[in-house]
C-alpha cells in the first residue's frame, strides 16, 4: 500500500481503553494485512493530536491515512489544526476511525450499531474499510464565527465543526457534562447534565439562510414526512429550549438519532440539519413563569428520550390540552430545518444563551455579539 499511514490514538478518550484496544486489535489487524505504519503516536496533551497530524503531512507529500482512535473531540482538534496551517500544496487526508470516545457520533452515523455486531468487530469497521480500499466518504466542514462591533460584522473568533454546533440546552449539557467526566465517564453523564438544565429557556433570535444549491430553506412537514421548500430566509423568535445543527451525522450517540432526516433524506451538497424546540408553540402556553418552565421541562425531556427511539421526536405533536403524542394533528413539538447557514443572536441579559458548542468545545459569545454558522 503506497499511502503513508499514521496511527494516532488518545489514551484518555472515553473510558481510557484506547491504548489497550490498539495493542490488542488495531495494530495486529494492520500487521496481518501487510500495512506498516510510518508512525504510531499516543497523544500526551490537549492540542497534541493536531500538531502530530500537521507535522506528519509536512513530511509525507503523497497519500496520507490517519488511523484515529479517539472520540469526536480529537477529530475536531485535528481538523481545526489543519485548517489553521498553510501547506505549500493542496493535500488530501483520509481518516480510518476507531471509536474510543464517549459518544463517537461520526463513527456511529457512518456505521450504525446493530444488535448482531460483536463489539470488537463493529469498532474495526472503518479500519477494515480502509484495508479493503473502500471509497472514503467526504466530510462537510461547518465554520462557526463569533462577531462583534456595532454592526456585528467584525469576526473575533472562528472554529470548524465536523459533527455538531449548538446553543441552548445542548450547549449547557456539554458544558456541565465536562464537570461530570471523572465521576461518570460514559454517556450517562449527558443525561445527568440534561436533567440539570432541562427547565431552562434561552432568550435569542435565529435567522436561517437558504441552501446554496437550491436557494431555499427546507422545513420538515410531519404530514408528508419529508422536507419541503420554504423560499427565502426564516426568522425564528425565542425563547428556545433546544437549538442544534449537525453536519455529516444523524446521531450524536449510537442510539441518539437527533437529526434523522440526514440519513432518511440525504442532503444534496453542503447543508446543516437544524432541530429546534420553542416552548411558546405549546398550545397551553400563557406566560413565562417558573411553573410554566417546570411543566414544559417534562415535554422537553420527552423530546430527548424520543430521539433515542430511532429519531421519533420529529413526529411528536401537541394536542389541544398541551399533551404530546404521535397521533395528533396539532403543531409539531420539534421544528426541523435544512439550511445553508444560520445566525444565533442572544439577548445580552441571558448568560447561558451566549454559550455555543462546537463538537463538544464550548465557546462563549461576549455581550453584544452574535454567532454565525
Protein backbone atom coordinates (compact mmCIF):
# COMPACT_ATOMS: atom_id res chain seq x y z
CA UNK A 1 0.00 0.00 0.00
CA UNK A 2 1.51 3.32 -1.08
CA UNK A 3 -0.19 5.56 1.46
CA UNK A 4 1.76 6.85 4.43
CA UNK A 5 -0.13 5.62 7.48
CA UNK A 6 -0.15 7.44 10.81
CA UNK A 7 -1.61 5.53 13.76
CA UNK A 8 -2.77 8.04 16.35
CA UNK A 9 -4.83 7.44 19.47
CA UNK A 10 -5.92 9.41 22.51
CA UNK A 11 -5.28 7.24 25.59
CA UNK A 12 -7.64 9.25 27.81
CA UNK A 13 -10.63 9.37 25.44
CA UNK A 14 -13.84 7.84 26.71
CA UNK A 15 -13.09 5.13 29.26
CA UNK A 16 -9.32 5.35 28.63
CA UNK A 17 -9.07 1.96 26.90
CA UNK A 18 -7.71 3.16 23.54
CA UNK A 19 -4.13 2.03 24.19
CA UNK A 20 -5.24 -1.49 25.11
CA UNK A 21 -7.60 -1.72 22.14
CA UNK A 22 -4.94 -0.61 19.69
CA UNK A 23 -2.36 -3.03 21.07
CA UNK A 24 -4.76 -5.97 21.09
CA UNK A 25 -6.76 -5.36 17.91
CA UNK A 26 -5.80 -2.43 15.67
CA UNK A 27 -2.06 -2.97 15.33
CA UNK A 28 -2.39 -6.77 14.83
CA UNK A 29 -5.07 -6.15 12.16
CA UNK A 30 -2.76 -3.78 10.28
CA UNK A 31 0.15 -6.20 10.60
CA UNK A 32 -1.86 -9.17 9.30
CA UNK A 33 -2.91 -7.01 6.33
CA UNK A 34 0.69 -6.17 5.46
CA UNK A 35 0.35 -2.49 6.42
CA UNK A 36 3.29 -0.97 8.27
CA UNK A 37 2.52 2.41 9.85
CA UNK A 38 5.04 5.18 9.32
CA UNK A 39 4.43 6.30 12.90
CA UNK A 40 2.46 5.22 15.97
CA UNK A 41 1.68 8.04 18.41
CA UNK A 42 -0.32 8.35 21.62
CA UNK A 43 -1.41 11.89 22.37
CA UNK A 44 0.05 13.41 25.51
CA UNK A 45 -1.83 16.69 25.99
CA UNK A 46 -4.52 18.92 24.54
CA UNK A 47 -3.50 20.10 21.08
CA UNK A 48 -1.00 17.29 20.59
CA UNK A 49 -3.10 15.41 18.01
CA UNK A 50 -3.33 18.46 15.76
CA UNK A 51 0.41 19.03 15.93
CA UNK A 52 1.21 15.38 15.18
CA UNK A 53 -1.02 15.25 12.10
CA UNK A 54 0.20 18.60 10.77
CA UNK A 55 3.84 17.56 11.15
CA UNK A 56 3.12 14.19 9.51
CA UNK A 57 1.55 15.88 6.48
CA UNK A 58 4.59 18.13 6.11
CA UNK A 59 6.87 15.07 5.95
CA UNK A 60 4.72 12.94 3.64
CA UNK A 61 3.56 14.52 0.38
CA UNK A 62 1.68 11.59 -1.10
CA UNK A 63 -1.49 9.89 0.08
CA UNK A 64 -1.91 10.08 3.86
CA UNK A 65 -4.18 7.95 6.02
CA UNK A 66 -4.68 8.57 9.73
CA UNK A 67 -5.95 5.64 11.79
CA UNK A 68 -7.51 7.68 14.58
CA UNK A 69 -8.51 6.17 17.90
CA UNK A 70 -10.48 8.79 19.80
CA UNK A 71 -13.83 10.48 20.08
CA UNK A 72 -15.24 13.32 18.04
CA UNK A 73 -13.36 15.91 20.10
CA UNK A 74 -9.92 14.75 18.97
CA UNK A 75 -11.03 14.73 15.32
CA UNK A 76 -12.33 18.26 15.87
CA UNK A 77 -8.91 19.23 17.23
CA UNK A 78 -7.10 17.74 14.22
CA UNK A 79 -9.39 19.40 11.65
CA UNK A 80 -9.01 22.80 13.29
CA UNK A 81 -5.22 22.43 13.43
CA UNK A 82 -5.14 21.58 9.72
CA UNK A 83 -7.43 24.48 8.83
CA UNK A 84 -5.08 26.90 10.55
CA UNK A 85 -1.99 25.64 8.72
CA UNK A 86 -0.87 26.72 5.25
CA UNK A 87 0.61 23.89 3.20
CA UNK A 88 2.64 24.52 0.05
CA UNK A 89 0.34 22.26 -1.98
CA UNK A 90 -3.26 21.08 -1.66
CA UNK A 91 -3.45 17.95 0.46
CA UNK A 92 -5.95 15.13 0.86
CA UNK A 93 -6.18 13.21 4.11
CA UNK A 94 -8.22 10.09 4.85
CA UNK A 95 -9.30 9.04 8.34
CA UNK A 96 -9.98 5.48 9.46
CA UNK A 97 -11.96 5.99 12.65
CA UNK A 98 -11.64 3.68 15.64
CA UNK A 99 -14.30 4.78 18.14
CA UNK A 100 -12.66 5.22 21.54
CA UNK A 101 -14.52 8.29 22.79
CA UNK A 102 -17.66 8.73 24.82
CA UNK A 103 -20.31 9.29 22.14
CA UNK A 104 -18.50 8.64 18.82
CA UNK A 105 -21.15 10.46 16.79
CA UNK A 106 -19.41 10.43 13.42
CA UNK A 107 -18.41 6.77 13.57
CA UNK A 108 -21.88 5.74 14.78
CA UNK A 109 -23.50 7.64 11.92
CA UNK A 110 -21.20 6.11 9.31
CA UNK A 111 -21.53 2.62 10.85
CA UNK A 112 -24.87 2.49 12.73
CA UNK A 113 -24.83 -0.07 15.53
CA UNK A 114 -26.76 -3.31 15.23
CA UNK A 115 -27.62 -5.85 17.87
CA UNK A 116 -25.92 -8.57 15.82
CA UNK A 117 -22.50 -6.92 15.58
CA UNK A 118 -19.85 -8.11 18.06
CA UNK A 119 -18.38 -5.10 19.86
CA UNK A 120 -14.79 -5.54 18.69
CA UNK A 121 -15.74 -6.29 15.09
CA UNK A 122 -18.00 -3.25 14.98
CA UNK A 123 -15.29 -0.93 16.28
CA UNK A 124 -12.98 -2.16 13.49
CA UNK A 125 -15.43 -1.49 10.62
CA UNK A 126 -13.82 1.78 9.49
CA UNK A 127 -10.34 0.27 9.72
CA UNK A 128 -11.50 -2.73 7.71
CA UNK A 129 -12.99 -0.44 5.07
CA UNK A 130 -9.60 1.28 4.74
CA UNK A 131 -7.79 -2.06 4.46
CA UNK A 132 -10.26 -3.13 1.76
CA UNK A 133 -9.58 0.14 -0.10
CA UNK A 134 -13.23 1.18 0.05
CA UNK A 135 -14.01 4.63 -1.31
CA UNK A 136 -13.77 7.24 1.50
CA UNK A 137 -16.80 9.38 2.32
CA UNK A 138 -16.11 13.14 2.03
CA UNK A 139 -16.79 15.27 5.08
CA UNK A 140 -18.65 18.57 5.16
CA UNK A 141 -16.99 21.16 7.42
CA UNK A 142 -19.04 23.83 9.20
CA UNK A 143 -17.31 27.05 10.26
CA UNK A 144 -18.70 28.85 13.31
CA UNK A 145 -17.76 32.52 13.58
CA UNK A 146 -18.39 34.87 16.50
CA UNK A 147 -18.90 38.51 15.53
CA UNK A 148 -18.59 41.81 17.38
CA UNK A 149 -18.82 45.52 16.62
CA UNK A 150 -21.74 47.95 16.27
CA UNK A 151 -22.95 46.23 13.09
CA UNK A 152 -21.93 42.72 14.22
CA UNK A 153 -19.69 42.31 11.18
CA UNK A 154 -16.23 42.06 12.77
CA UNK A 155 -15.20 38.39 13.19
CA UNK A 156 -13.46 37.83 16.52
CA UNK A 157 -13.22 34.03 16.68
CA UNK A 158 -13.96 31.04 14.46
CA UNK A 159 -13.82 27.27 14.71
CA UNK A 160 -14.70 24.32 12.49
CA UNK A 161 -17.14 21.55 13.35
CA UNK A 162 -17.37 18.12 11.76
CA UNK A 163 -20.37 16.93 13.79
CA UNK A 164 -22.43 19.44 15.77
CA UNK A 165 -22.85 23.12 16.54
CA UNK A 166 -25.44 24.10 19.09
CA UNK A 167 -26.70 26.61 21.60
CA UNK A 168 -29.44 26.45 24.27
CA UNK A 169 -29.90 23.14 26.11
CA UNK A 170 -27.35 21.09 24.18
CA UNK A 171 -24.57 23.63 24.80
CA UNK A 172 -25.46 23.73 28.51
CA UNK A 173 -25.42 19.93 28.64
CA UNK A 174 -21.95 19.78 27.09
CA UNK A 175 -20.60 22.46 29.41
CA UNK A 176 -21.92 20.76 32.55
CA UNK A 177 -21.09 17.22 31.38
CA UNK A 178 -17.40 18.09 31.43
CA UNK A 179 -17.71 18.65 35.19
CA UNK A 180 -19.10 15.12 35.46
CA UNK A 181 -16.49 13.40 33.26
CA UNK A 182 -14.38 11.92 36.09
CA UNK A 183 -17.40 10.86 38.12
CA UNK A 184 -19.39 9.49 35.15
CA UNK A 185 -17.02 8.72 32.22
CA UNK A 186 -19.72 7.18 29.99
CA UNK A 187 -22.61 8.70 28.03
CA UNK A 188 -24.88 8.60 31.12
CA UNK A 189 -23.33 11.89 32.20
CA UNK A 190 -25.10 13.63 29.32
CA UNK A 191 -28.48 12.56 30.72
CA UNK A 192 -27.49 13.81 34.17
CA UNK A 193 -26.44 17.17 32.72
CA UNK A 194 -29.69 17.31 30.74
CA UNK A 195 -31.71 16.94 33.92
CA UNK A 196 -29.74 19.78 35.49
CA UNK A 197 -30.67 22.15 32.66
CA UNK A 198 -33.96 20.83 31.30
CA UNK A 199 -36.15 23.62 32.75
CA UNK A 200 -34.03 26.45 31.36
CA UNK A 201 -35.18 28.63 28.43
CA UNK A 202 -32.80 30.66 26.27
CA UNK A 203 -33.50 34.19 25.06
CA UNK A 204 -32.27 34.63 21.50
CA UNK A 205 -33.24 35.25 17.89
CA UNK A 206 -32.31 32.99 14.98
CA UNK A 207 -32.02 33.55 11.25
CA UNK A 208 -31.88 30.55 8.91
CA UNK A 209 -30.41 31.16 5.45
CA UNK A 210 -31.13 29.21 2.24
CA UNK A 211 -29.14 26.34 0.84
CA UNK A 212 -26.72 27.50 -1.84
CA UNK A 213 -27.70 24.54 -4.02
CA UNK A 214 -31.43 25.29 -4.15
CA UNK A 215 -31.90 28.83 -2.85
CA UNK A 216 -34.41 27.68 -0.23
CA UNK A 217 -34.60 26.64 3.41
CA UNK A 218 -36.20 23.22 3.75
CA UNK A 219 -38.77 22.60 6.50
CA UNK A 220 -39.88 19.20 7.75
CA UNK A 221 -43.56 18.56 7.04
CA UNK A 222 -44.86 15.99 9.53
CA UNK A 223 -47.86 15.16 7.35
CA UNK A 224 -45.70 14.40 4.32
CA UNK A 225 -42.87 13.02 6.48
CA UNK A 226 -40.42 14.88 4.26
CA UNK A 227 -38.55 18.15 3.90
CA UNK A 228 -40.37 20.75 1.80
CA UNK A 229 -39.05 24.08 0.42
CA UNK A 230 -39.54 27.47 2.05
CA UNK A 231 -38.43 30.36 -0.13
CA UNK A 232 -36.04 32.89 1.38
CA UNK A 233 -34.60 33.09 4.90
CA UNK A 234 -36.51 32.23 8.06
CA UNK A 235 -36.54 34.32 11.23
CA UNK A 236 -37.27 32.50 14.49
CA UNK A 237 -38.01 34.35 17.72
CA UNK A 238 -37.28 32.89 21.13
CA UNK A 239 -37.26 31.74 23.76
CA UNK A 240 -35.65 28.44 22.80
CA UNK A 241 -35.47 25.25 24.81
CA UNK A 242 -33.35 23.47 22.21
CA UNK A 243 -31.28 24.59 19.22
CA UNK A 244 -28.82 22.29 17.46
CA UNK A 245 -27.40 21.73 13.99
CA UNK A 246 -25.37 18.87 12.57
CA UNK A 247 -23.24 18.00 9.56
CA UNK A 248 -22.17 14.51 8.45
CA UNK A 249 -24.25 12.75 11.12
CA UNK A 250 -27.80 11.75 12.00
CA UNK A 251 -26.97 10.96 15.64
CA UNK A 252 -24.81 12.23 18.50
CA UNK A 253 -24.62 8.89 20.32
CA UNK A 254 -25.07 5.38 18.93
CA UNK A 255 -28.83 5.46 19.70
CA UNK A 256 -29.49 9.23 19.95
CA UNK A 257 -30.72 9.93 16.40
CA UNK A 258 -31.33 13.66 16.75
CA UNK A 259 -31.26 14.66 13.02
CA UNK A 260 -32.77 11.57 11.39
CA UNK A 261 -33.55 13.18 8.04
CA UNK A 262 -29.83 13.40 7.29
CA UNK A 263 -29.84 9.66 6.57
CA UNK A 264 -33.52 9.23 5.70
CA UNK A 265 -33.45 12.08 3.19
CA UNK A 266 -29.73 12.70 2.47
CA UNK A 267 -28.76 16.25 1.50
CA UNK A 268 -27.51 17.15 -1.95
CA UNK A 269 -24.38 19.14 -1.23
CA UNK A 270 -23.24 21.02 1.88
CA UNK A 271 -26.02 21.77 4.35
CA UNK A 272 -26.98 21.91 8.01
CA UNK A 273 -29.81 19.93 9.60
CA UNK A 274 -31.30 22.02 12.41
CA UNK A 275 -33.50 20.88 15.32
CA UNK A 276 -35.42 23.49 17.31
CA UNK A 277 -37.81 23.38 20.28
CA UNK A 278 -39.59 26.62 21.19
CA UNK A 279 -41.81 26.46 24.30
CA UNK A 280 -44.23 29.15 23.18
CA UNK A 281 -45.53 26.84 20.43
CA UNK A 282 -47.20 24.84 23.19
CA UNK A 283 -50.98 25.43 22.90
CA UNK A 284 -51.34 25.87 26.68
CA UNK A 285 -48.57 28.47 26.97
CA UNK A 286 -49.86 31.70 28.55
CA UNK A 287 -46.92 33.34 30.30
CA UNK A 288 -43.29 32.67 31.15
CA UNK A 289 -43.27 31.69 34.83
CA UNK A 290 -41.14 29.25 36.84
CA UNK A 291 -44.15 26.94 37.00
CA UNK A 292 -44.56 27.09 33.21
CA UNK A 293 -40.93 26.22 32.68
CA UNK A 294 -41.07 23.29 35.09
CA UNK A 295 -44.18 21.97 33.35
CA UNK A 296 -42.58 22.28 29.92
CA UNK A 297 -39.41 20.54 31.16
CA UNK A 298 -41.26 17.22 31.10
CA UNK A 299 -42.14 17.79 27.44
CA UNK A 300 -38.57 18.77 26.56
CA UNK A 301 -37.30 15.62 28.27
CA UNK A 302 -39.83 13.54 26.34
CA UNK A 303 -38.43 15.02 23.12
CA UNK A 304 -34.90 13.98 24.07
CA UNK A 305 -36.00 10.48 25.04
CA UNK A 306 -37.93 10.09 21.76
CA UNK A 307 -34.70 10.85 19.87
CA UNK A 308 -33.42 7.55 21.31
CA UNK A 309 -36.37 5.81 19.63
CA UNK A 310 -34.90 5.96 16.12
CA UNK A 311 -35.44 9.72 15.84
CA UNK A 312 -39.11 9.59 16.75
CA UNK A 313 -39.05 13.07 18.32
CA UNK A 314 -39.72 14.79 14.98
CA UNK A 315 -43.12 13.05 14.83
CA UNK A 316 -44.33 14.29 18.23
CA UNK A 317 -47.29 16.74 18.11
CA UNK A 318 -49.30 18.77 20.57
CA UNK A 319 -52.88 18.04 21.49
CA UNK A 320 -55.14 20.98 22.35
CA UNK A 321 -54.55 20.07 26.00
CA UNK A 322 -50.80 20.56 25.56
CA UNK A 323 -50.10 16.84 25.91
CA UNK A 324 -47.78 15.40 23.27
CA UNK A 325 -48.24 12.26 21.20
CA UNK A 326 -47.77 10.93 17.66
CA UNK A 327 -51.39 10.60 16.58
CA UNK A 328 -52.45 14.24 16.98
CA UNK A 329 -52.90 16.64 14.06
CA UNK A 330 -51.66 19.61 16.11
CA UNK A 331 -48.39 21.51 15.66
CA UNK A 332 -45.15 19.59 15.96
CA UNK A 333 -43.19 19.92 19.19
CA UNK A 334 -39.93 19.88 17.24
CA UNK A 335 -39.20 22.17 14.29
CA UNK A 336 -36.77 20.61 11.81
CA UNK A 337 -34.97 22.55 9.08
CA UNK A 338 -32.26 22.09 6.49
CA UNK A 339 -30.41 25.29 5.64
CA UNK A 340 -27.15 26.70 4.32
CA UNK A 341 -26.21 28.74 7.40
CA UNK A 342 -27.72 30.34 10.49
CA UNK A 343 -27.27 33.21 12.93
CA UNK A 344 -27.80 32.91 16.67
CA UNK A 345 -28.33 36.35 18.27
CA UNK A 346 -28.66 36.02 22.06
CA UNK A 347 -30.07 38.65 24.37
CA UNK A 348 -27.33 40.21 26.47
CA UNK A 349 -29.19 39.56 29.73
CA UNK A 350 -29.14 35.77 29.21
CA UNK A 351 -25.66 34.49 30.02
CA UNK A 352 -26.47 30.83 29.23
CA UNK A 353 -27.83 31.81 25.81
CA UNK A 354 -24.34 33.04 24.93
CA UNK A 355 -22.90 29.52 25.09
CA UNK A 356 -22.15 27.81 21.77
CA UNK A 357 -20.97 24.20 21.46
CA UNK A 358 -18.76 23.11 18.56
CA UNK A 359 -18.10 19.35 18.62
CA UNK A 360 -18.03 19.43 22.41
CA UNK A 361 -15.84 22.54 22.71
CA UNK A 362 -17.65 25.39 24.45
CA UNK A 363 -17.42 28.94 23.11
CA UNK A 364 -18.93 31.97 24.79
CA UNK A 365 -20.39 34.86 22.83
CA UNK A 366 -19.41 38.11 24.56
CA UNK A 367 -22.10 40.67 25.36
CA UNK A 368 -23.30 42.49 22.27
CA UNK A 369 -22.02 39.81 19.89
CA UNK A 370 -23.54 37.03 17.84
CA UNK A 371 -22.68 33.63 16.42
CA UNK A 372 -22.86 32.70 12.74
CA UNK A 373 -22.55 29.30 11.12
